[in-house]
Amino acid sequence: MTTGDNVRLTGAEGRRYVRHQIRQALQEGNLAPGQRLVEQDLADTYGTTRSAVREALVDLSAEDIVTLVPQRGARIRVISVDEAVQITECRAALERLCARKAATLASDKQREELREIGEQMTQAVSTGKFETYSELNRRMHAVMIEASGQQIARRQLDRLNNQMVHFQFRLALRPGRSEESLVQHLAIINAITDRDSEAAATAVTAHLDSVIEQLQATKKN
């Protein structure tokens, strides 16, 4: 987003913009757990006022993405492996619901989009394009949730996933993880496009159980 030399976003617009940019930076790996967030630096980077940044940080603190420490400012919140496992368990319950409903409610266009994403994911893994695969991974889950029509689940999953971004990057880099994850995602896609709600829920459960196993393995290491 471009602003004039002396024009800074403020108010509700600036607040929303900063929230969006920080979430985006987390997804892209440009912010890390524990990283300090300086209000003036963020205001200069995003072309907003400091008050807009301050309000956005309060919002992100309420979402458990940012930690606000009196007299010490804000940092990206650090999540333990145990907490990451609990978040994934909650995510599994919501995504099973979405997968079941998507298998029944998805439009022909959404089913075709899922098939195309599956093909693109397969190509990304075969060519070692792991960043592309990660983006397609997020897109697949987004289409599934959108197809389910479950807006409450979508909002809760957005919040949970924003907290898990760092762990998702770490897991994606583990040897063989992308290949394993691809098989699991294709199973979800196939179940939804085949209109098999129970198979879709089972595939989601298998995938997120695998994520939990991987998280627990990082703790042992």
C-alpha atoms as a PDB file:
ATOM      1  CA  MET A   1       0.000   0.000   0.000  1.00  0.00           C
ATOM      2  CA  THR A   2       1.367   3.391  -0.976  1.00  0.00           C
ATOM      3  CA  THR A   3       0.794   6.609   0.915  1.00  0.00           C
ATOM      4  CA  GLY A   4       1.933  10.141   0.203  1.00  0.00           C
ATOM      5  CA  ASP A   5       5.175  11.479   1.674  1.00  0.00           C
ATOM      6  CA  ASN A   6       3.407  13.224   4.566  1.00  0.00           C
ATOM      7  CA  VAL A   7       0.206  11.182   4.697  1.00  0.00           C
ATOM      8  CA  ARG A   8      -0.088   8.480   7.316  1.00  0.00           C
ATOM      9  CA  LEU A   9      -3.001   6.145   7.875  1.00  0.00           C
ATOM     10  CA  THR A  10      -4.687   6.668  11.185  1.00  0.00           C
ATOM     11  CA  GLY A  11      -7.818   5.676  13.058  1.00  0.00           C
ATOM     12  CA  ALA A  12      -9.652   2.438  12.306  1.00  0.00           C
ATOM     13  CA  GLU A  13      -8.146   2.190   8.806  1.00  0.00           C
ATOM     14  CA  GLY A  14      -4.577   2.447  10.079  1.00  0.00           C
ATOM     15  CA  ARG A  15      -5.309   0.029  12.903  1.00  0.00           C
ATOM     16  CA  ARG A  16      -6.680  -2.610  10.498  1.00  0.00           C
ATOM     17  CA  TYR A  17      -3.788  -2.101   8.104  1.00  0.00           C
ATOM     18  CA  VAL A  18      -1.117  -2.613  10.761  1.00  0.00           C
ATOM     19  CA  ARG A  19      -2.869  -5.748  12.056  1.00  0.00           C
ATOM     20  CA  HIS A  20      -2.993  -7.154   8.535  1.00  0.00           C
ATOM     21  CA  GLN A  21       0.653  -6.337   7.813  1.00  0.00           C
ATOM     22  CA  ILE A  22       1.929  -7.915  11.030  1.00  0.00           C
ATOM     23  CA  ARG A  23      -0.091 -11.084  10.395  1.00  0.00           C
ATOM     24  CA  GLN A  24       1.255 -11.169   6.839  1.00  0.00           C
ATOM     25  CA  ALA A  25       4.829 -10.707   8.044  1.00  0.00           C
ATOM     26  CA  LEU A  26       4.362 -13.642  10.420  1.00  0.00           C
ATOM     27  CA  GLN A  27       3.030 -15.874   7.635  1.00  0.00           C
ATOM     28  CA  GLU A  28       5.982 -14.966   5.417  1.00  0.00           C
ATOM     29  CA  GLY A  29       8.520 -15.597   8.160  1.00  0.00           C
ATOM     30  CA  ASN A  30       9.584 -11.968   8.406  1.00  0.00           C
ATOM     31  CA  LEU A  31       8.761 -11.786  12.107  1.00  0.00           C
ATOM     32  CA  ALA A  32       9.933 -14.349  14.648  1.00  0.00           C
ATOM     33  CA  PRO A  33       8.800 -15.292  18.179  1.00  0.00           C
ATOM     34  CA  GLY A  34      10.347 -12.989  20.755  1.00  0.00           C
ATOM     35  CA  GLN A  35      11.089 -10.285  18.197  1.00  0.00           C
ATOM     36  CA  ARG A  36      10.657  -6.785  19.580  1.00  0.00           C
ATOM     37  CA  LEU A  37       8.085  -4.542  17.911  1.00  0.00           C
ATOM     38  CA  VAL A  38       8.993  -0.845  18.031  1.00  0.00           C
ATOM     39  CA  GLU A  39       6.026   1.453  17.513  1.00  0.00           C
ATOM     40  CA  GLN A  40       7.883   4.151  15.582  1.00  0.00           C
ATOM     41  CA  ASP A  41       9.634   1.633  13.344  1.00  0.00           C
ATOM     42  CA  LEU A  42       6.325  -0.038  12.517  1.00  0.00           C
ATOM     43  CA  ALA A  43       4.661   3.321  11.903  1.00  0.00           C
ATOM     44  CA  ASP A  44       7.429   4.301   9.469  1.00  0.00           C
ATOM     45  CA  THR A  45       7.388   0.914   7.734  1.00  0.00           C
ATOM     46  CA  TYR A  46       3.630   0.791   7.257  1.00  0.00           C
ATOM     47  CA  GLY A  47       2.966   4.491   6.752  1.00  0.00           C
ATOM     48  CA  THR A  48       0.684   4.896   9.757  1.00  0.00           C
ATOM     49  CA  THR A  49       0.599   6.922  12.942  1.00  0.00           C
ATOM     50  CA  ARG A  50       2.052   5.545  16.169  1.00  0.00           C
ATOM     51  CA  SER A  51      -1.406   5.602  17.711  1.00  0.00           C
ATOM     52  CA  ALA A  52      -2.661   3.267  14.949  1.00  0.00           C
ATOM     53  CA  VAL A  53       0.257   0.937  15.634  1.00  0.00           C
ATOM     54  CA  ARG A  54      -0.358   1.037  19.381  1.00  0.00           C
ATOM     55  CA  GLU A  55      -4.040   0.169  18.931  1.00  0.00           C
ATOM     56  CA  ALA A  56      -3.196  -2.632  16.490  1.00  0.00           C
ATOM     57  CA  LEU A  57      -0.728  -4.125  18.977  1.00  0.00           C
ATOM     58  CA  VAL A  58      -3.434  -4.126  21.653  1.00  0.00           C
ATOM     59  CA  ASP A  59      -5.712  -6.020  19.241  1.00  0.00           C
ATOM     60  CA  LEU A  60      -2.974  -8.540  18.430  1.00  0.00           C
ATOM     61  CA  SER A  61      -2.284  -8.982  22.139  1.00  0.00           C
ATOM     62  CA  ALA A  62      -5.939  -9.949  22.613  1.00  0.00           C
ATOM     63  CA  GLU A  63      -5.412 -12.564  19.879  1.00  0.00           C
ATOM     64  CA  ASP A  64      -2.347 -13.954  21.726  1.00  0.00           C
ATOM     65  CA  ILE A  65      -0.059 -13.020  18.835  1.00  0.00           C
ATOM     66  CA  VAL A  66       1.750 -10.173  20.615  1.00  0.00           C
ATOM     67  CA  THR A  67       2.897  -9.820  24.217  1.00  0.00           C
ATOM     68  CA  LEU A  68       2.695  -6.347  25.766  1.00  0.00           C
ATOM     69  CA  VAL A  69       5.078  -5.781  28.674  1.00  0.00           C
ATOM     70  CA  PRO A  70       4.661  -2.593  30.739  1.00  0.00           C
ATOM     71  CA  GLN A  71       7.645  -0.261  30.339  1.00  0.00           C
ATOM     72  CA  ARG A  72       9.263  -2.700  27.872  1.00  0.00           C
ATOM     73  CA  GLY A  73       7.021  -2.523  24.809  1.00  0.00           C
ATOM     74  CA  ALA A  74       5.722  -5.295  22.572  1.00  0.00           C
ATOM     75  CA  ARG A  75       7.127  -8.567  21.257  1.00  0.00           C
ATOM     76  CA  ILE A  76       5.860 -11.410  19.102  1.00  0.00           C
ATOM     77  CA  ARG A  77       4.616 -13.946  21.629  1.00  0.00           C
ATOM     78  CA  VAL A  78       6.689 -17.092  22.187  1.00  0.00           C
ATOM     79  CA  ILE A  79       4.652 -20.314  22.180  1.00  0.00           C
ATOM     80  CA  SER A  80       5.903 -23.505  23.841  1.00  0.00           C
ATOM     81  CA  VAL A  81       5.687 -26.901  22.167  1.00  0.00           C
ATOM     82  CA  ASP A  82       3.070 -27.988  24.715  1.00  0.00           C
ATOM     83  CA  GLU A  83       0.907 -25.002  23.852  1.00  0.00           C
ATOM     84  CA  ALA A  84       1.407 -25.645  20.136  1.00  0.00           C
ATOM     85  CA  VAL A  85       0.116 -29.194  20.643  1.00  0.00           C
ATOM     86  CA  GLN A  86      -2.973 -27.900  22.450  1.00  0.00           C
ATOM     87  CA  ILE A  87      -3.602 -25.354  19.695  1.00  0.00           C
ATOM     88  CA  THR A  88      -3.354 -28.120  17.094  1.00  0.00           C
ATOM     89  CA  GLU A  89      -5.812 -30.273  19.057  1.00  0.00           C
ATOM     90  CA  CYS A  90      -8.325 -27.406  19.020  1.00  0.00           C
ATOM     91  CA  ARG A  91      -7.652 -26.793  15.354  1.00  0.00           C
ATOM     92  CA  ALA A  92      -8.312 -30.485  14.620  1.00  0.00           C
ATOM     93  CA  ALA A  93     -11.787 -30.333  16.155  1.00  0.00           C
ATOM     94  CA  LEU A  94     -12.715 -27.274  14.083  1.00  0.00           C
ATOM     95  CA  GLU A  95     -11.190 -28.535  10.842  1.00  0.00           C
ATOM     96  CA  ARG A  96     -12.965 -31.900  11.137  1.00  0.00           C
ATOM     97  CA  LEU A  97     -16.236 -29.978  11.284  1.00  0.00           C
ATOM     98  CA  CYS A  98     -15.252 -27.884   8.261  1.00  0.00           C
ATOM     99  CA  ALA A  99     -14.108 -30.913   6.255  1.00  0.00           C
ATOM    100  CA  ARG A 100     -17.396 -32.742   6.846  1.00  0.00           C
ATOM    101  CA  LYS A 101     -19.453 -29.738   5.815  1.00  0.00           C
ATOM    102  CA  ALA A 102     -17.215 -28.912   2.825  1.00  0.00           C
ATOM    103  CA  ALA A 103     -17.661 -32.437   1.457  1.00  0.00           C
ATOM    104  CA  THR A 104     -21.411 -31.820   1.429  1.00  0.00           C
ATOM    105  CA  LEU A 105     -21.630 -28.105   0.632  1.00  0.00           C
ATOM    106  CA  ALA A 106     -18.686 -27.281  -1.654  1.00  0.00           C
ATOM    107  CA  SER A 107     -19.648 -25.919  -5.060  1.00  0.00           C
ATOM    108  CA  ASP A 108     -18.401 -27.497  -8.263  1.00  0.00           C
ATOM    109  CA  LYS A 109     -16.070 -24.517  -8.653  1.00  0.00           C
ATOM    110  CA  GLN A 110     -14.600 -25.038  -5.183  1.00  0.00           C
ATOM    111  CA  ARG A 111     -14.106 -28.752  -5.789  1.00  0.00           C
ATOM    112  CA  GLU A 112     -12.308 -27.991  -9.029  1.00  0.00           C
ATOM    113  CA  GLU A 113     -10.138 -25.410  -7.261  1.00  0.00           C
ATOM    114  CA  LEU A 114      -9.176 -28.017  -4.662  1.00  0.00           C
ATOM    115  CA  ARG A 115      -8.217 -30.468  -7.408  1.00  0.00           C
ATOM    116  CA  GLU A 116      -6.046 -27.803  -9.052  1.00  0.00           C
ATOM    117  CA  ILE A 117      -4.398 -26.964  -5.728  1.00  0.00           C
ATOM    118  CA  GLY A 118      -3.644 -30.658  -5.227  1.00  0.00           C
ATOM    119  CA  GLU A 119      -1.949 -30.826  -8.616  1.00  0.00           C
ATOM    120  CA  GLN A 120       0.052 -27.681  -7.875  1.00  0.00           C
ATOM    121  CA  MET A 121       1.085 -29.015  -4.449  1.00  0.00           C
ATOM    122  CA  THR A 122       2.318 -32.229  -6.051  1.00  0.00           C
ATOM    123  CA  GLN A 123       4.350 -30.227  -8.562  1.00  0.00           C
ATOM    124  CA  ALA A 124       5.782 -27.952  -5.856  1.00  0.00           C
ATOM    125  CA  VAL A 125       6.990 -30.898  -3.774  1.00  0.00           C
ATOM    126  CA  SER A 126       8.476 -32.701  -6.781  1.00  0.00           C
ATOM    127  CA  THR A 127      10.475 -29.596  -7.719  1.00  0.00           C
ATOM    128  CA  GLY A 128      11.516 -28.690  -4.178  1.00  0.00           C
ATOM    129  CA  LYS A 129       9.575 -25.406  -4.101  1.00  0.00           C
ATOM    130  CA  PHE A 130       8.752 -25.553  -0.424  1.00  0.00           C
ATOM    131  CA  GLU A 131       7.664 -21.920  -0.037  1.00  0.00           C
ATOM    132  CA  THR A 132       5.188 -22.422  -2.871  1.00  0.00           C
ATOM    133  CA  TYR A 133       3.990 -25.619  -1.228  1.00  0.00           C
ATOM    134  CA  SER A 134       3.453 -23.824   2.095  1.00  0.00           C
ATOM    135  CA  GLU A 135       1.383 -21.133   0.379  1.00  0.00           C
ATOM    136  CA  LEU A 136      -0.695 -23.768  -1.428  1.00  0.00           C
ATOM    137  CA  ASN A 137      -1.133 -25.576   1.884  1.00  0.00           C
ATOM    138  CA  ARG A 138      -2.647 -22.434   3.415  1.00  0.00           C
ATOM    139  CA  ARG A 139      -4.800 -21.931   0.330  1.00  0.00           C
ATOM    140  CA  MET A 140      -6.141 -25.495   0.443  1.00  0.00           C
ATOM    141  CA  HIS A 141      -7.241 -25.149   4.047  1.00  0.00           C
ATOM    142  CA  ALA A 142      -8.773 -21.744   3.282  1.00  0.00           C
ATOM    143  CA  VAL A 143     -10.841 -23.134   0.398  1.00  0.00           C
ATOM    144  CA  MET A 144     -11.991 -26.061   2.527  1.00  0.00           C
ATOM    145  CA  ILE A 145     -13.084 -23.744   5.332  1.00  0.00           C
ATOM    146  CA  GLU A 146     -14.750 -21.344   2.898  1.00  0.00           C
ATOM    147  CA  ALA A 147     -16.632 -24.237   1.291  1.00  0.00           C
ATOM    148  CA  SER A 148     -17.896 -25.373   4.688  1.00  0.00           C
ATOM    149  CA  GLY A 149     -19.747 -22.103   5.232  1.00  0.00           C
ATOM    150  CA  GLN A 150     -18.625 -22.197   8.871  1.00  0.00           C
ATOM    151  CA  GLN A 151     -17.758 -18.561   9.543  1.00  0.00           C
ATOM    152  CA  ILE A 152     -17.394 -18.999  13.306  1.00  0.00           C
ATOM    153  CA  ALA A 153     -14.906 -21.822  12.794  1.00  0.00           C
ATOM    154  CA  ARG A 154     -13.044 -19.730  10.213  1.00  0.00           C
ATOM    155  CA  ARG A 155     -12.524 -16.864  12.655  1.00  0.00           C
ATOM    156  CA  GLN A 156     -11.306 -19.199  15.384  1.00  0.00           C
ATOM    157  CA  LEU A 157      -8.977 -21.045  13.006  1.00  0.00           C
ATOM    158  CA  ASP A 158      -7.505 -17.771  11.744  1.00  0.00           C
ATOM    159  CA  ARG A 159      -6.611 -16.890  15.306  1.00  0.00           C
ATOM    160  CA  LEU A 160      -5.156 -20.322  16.086  1.00  0.00           C
ATOM    161  CA  ASN A 161      -3.150 -20.501  12.853  1.00  0.00           C
ATOM    162  CA  ASN A 162      -1.636 -17.050  13.352  1.00  0.00           C
ATOM    163  CA  GLN A 163      -0.164 -18.287  16.636  1.00  0.00           C
ATOM    164  CA  MET A 164       1.268 -21.399  14.976  1.00  0.00           C
ATOM    165  CA  VAL A 165       3.080 -19.861  12.005  1.00  0.00           C
ATOM    166  CA  HIS A 166       6.602 -20.249  13.428  1.00  0.00           C
ATOM    167  CA  PHE A 167       6.078 -23.923  14.227  1.00  0.00           C
ATOM    168  CA  GLN A 168       4.596 -24.514  10.773  1.00  0.00           C
ATOM    169  CA  PHE A 169       7.810 -23.163   9.210  1.00  0.00           C
ATOM    170  CA  ARG A 170       9.954 -25.383  11.431  1.00  0.00           C
ATOM    171  CA  LEU A 171       7.947 -28.497  10.644  1.00  0.00           C
ATOM    172  CA  ALA A 172       7.971 -27.790   6.904  1.00  0.00           C
ATOM    173  CA  LEU A 173      11.783 -27.869   6.942  1.00  0.00           C
ATOM    174  CA  ARG A 174      12.036 -31.307   8.558  1.00  0.00           C
ATOM    175  CA  PRO A 175      13.404 -33.926   6.110  1.00  0.00           C
ATOM    176  CA  GLY A 176      10.607 -35.772   4.336  1.00  0.00           C
ATOM    177  CA  ARG A 177       7.856 -33.696   5.971  1.00  0.00           C
ATOM    178  CA  SER A 178       6.593 -32.106   2.755  1.00  0.00           C
ATOM    179  CA  GLU A 179       6.232 -35.478   1.041  1.00  0.00           C
ATOM    180  CA  GLU A 180       4.368 -36.900   4.041  1.00  0.00           C
ATOM    181  CA  SER A 181       2.169 -33.816   4.308  1.00  0.00           C
ATOM    182  CA  LEU A 182       1.372 -33.927   0.585  1.00  0.00           C
ATOM    183  CA  VAL A 183      -0.112 -37.432   0.853  1.00  0.00           C
ATOM    184  CA  GLN A 184      -2.267 -36.282   3.769  1.00  0.00           C
ATOM    185  CA  HIS A 185      -3.499 -33.164   1.978  1.00  0.00           C
ATOM    186  CA  LEU A 186      -4.334 -35.097  -1.175  1.00  0.00           C
ATOM    187  CA  ALA A 187      -6.421 -37.476   0.947  1.00  0.00           C
ATOM    188  CA  ILE A 188      -8.386 -34.510   2.300  1.00  0.00           C
ATOM    189  CA  ILE A 189      -8.870 -33.067  -1.181  1.00  0.00           C
ATOM    190  CA  ASN A 190      -9.977 -36.395  -2.657  1.00  0.00           C
ATOM    191  CA  ALA A 191     -12.508 -36.979   0.121  1.00  0.00           C
ATOM    192  CA  ILE A 192     -14.041 -33.524  -0.271  1.00  0.00           C
ATOM    193  CA  THR A 193     -14.205 -33.704  -4.064  1.00  0.00           C
ATOM    194  CA  ASP A 194     -15.739 -37.204  -3.783  1.00  0.00           C
ATOM    195  CA  ARG A 195     -18.389 -35.797  -1.409  1.00  0.00           C
ATOM    196  CA  ASP A 196     -17.385 -38.274   1.316  1.00  0.00           C
ATOM    197  CA  SER A 197     -17.829 -36.366   4.570  1.00  0.00           C
ATOM    198  CA  GLU A 198     -16.609 -39.120   6.893  1.00  0.00           C
ATOM    199  CA  ALA A 199     -13.496 -39.758   4.809  1.00  0.00           C
ATOM    200  CA  ALA A 200     -12.801 -36.004   4.807  1.00  0.00           C
ATOM    201  CA  ALA A 201     -13.026 -35.835   8.594  1.00  0.00           C
ATOM    202  CA  THR A 202     -10.834 -38.929   8.941  1.00  0.00           C
ATOM    203  CA  ALA A 203      -8.215 -37.470   6.574  1.00  0.00           C
ATOM    204  CA  VAL A 204      -8.092 -34.202   8.519  1.00  0.00           C
ATOM    205  CA  THR A 205      -7.690 -36.131  11.774  1.00  0.00           C
ATOM    206  CA  ALA A 206      -4.818 -38.177  10.334  1.00  0.00           C
ATOM    207  CA  HIS A 207      -3.092 -35.040   9.058  1.00  0.00           C
ATOM    208  CA  LEU A 208      -3.304 -33.103  12.311  1.00  0.00           C
ATOM    209  CA  ASP A 209      -2.406 -36.145  14.413  1.00  0.00           C
ATOM    210  CA  SER A 210       0.741 -36.257  12.286  1.00  0.00           C
ATOM    211  CA  VAL A 211       1.388 -32.569  12.988  1.00  0.00           C
ATOM    212  CA  ILE A 212       1.117 -33.262  16.721  1.00  0.00           C
ATOM    213  CA  GLU A 213       3.585 -36.135  16.428  1.00  0.00           C
ATOM    214  CA  GLN A 214       6.012 -33.855  14.616  1.00  0.00           C
ATOM    215  CA  LEU A 215       5.621 -31.155  17.264  1.00  0.00           C
ATOM    216  CA  GLN A 216       6.294 -33.637  20.048  1.00  0.00           C
ATOM    217  CA  ALA A 217       9.389 -34.856  18.190  1.00  0.00           C
ATOM    218  CA  THR A 218      10.784 -31.290  18.169  1.00  0.00           C
ATOM    219  CA  LYS A 219      10.439 -31.216  21.946  1.00  0.00           C
ATOM    220  CA  LYS A 220      12.450 -34.439  22.284  1.00  0.00           C
ATOM    221  CA  ASN A 221      15.171 -32.979  20.085  1.00  0.00           C
END
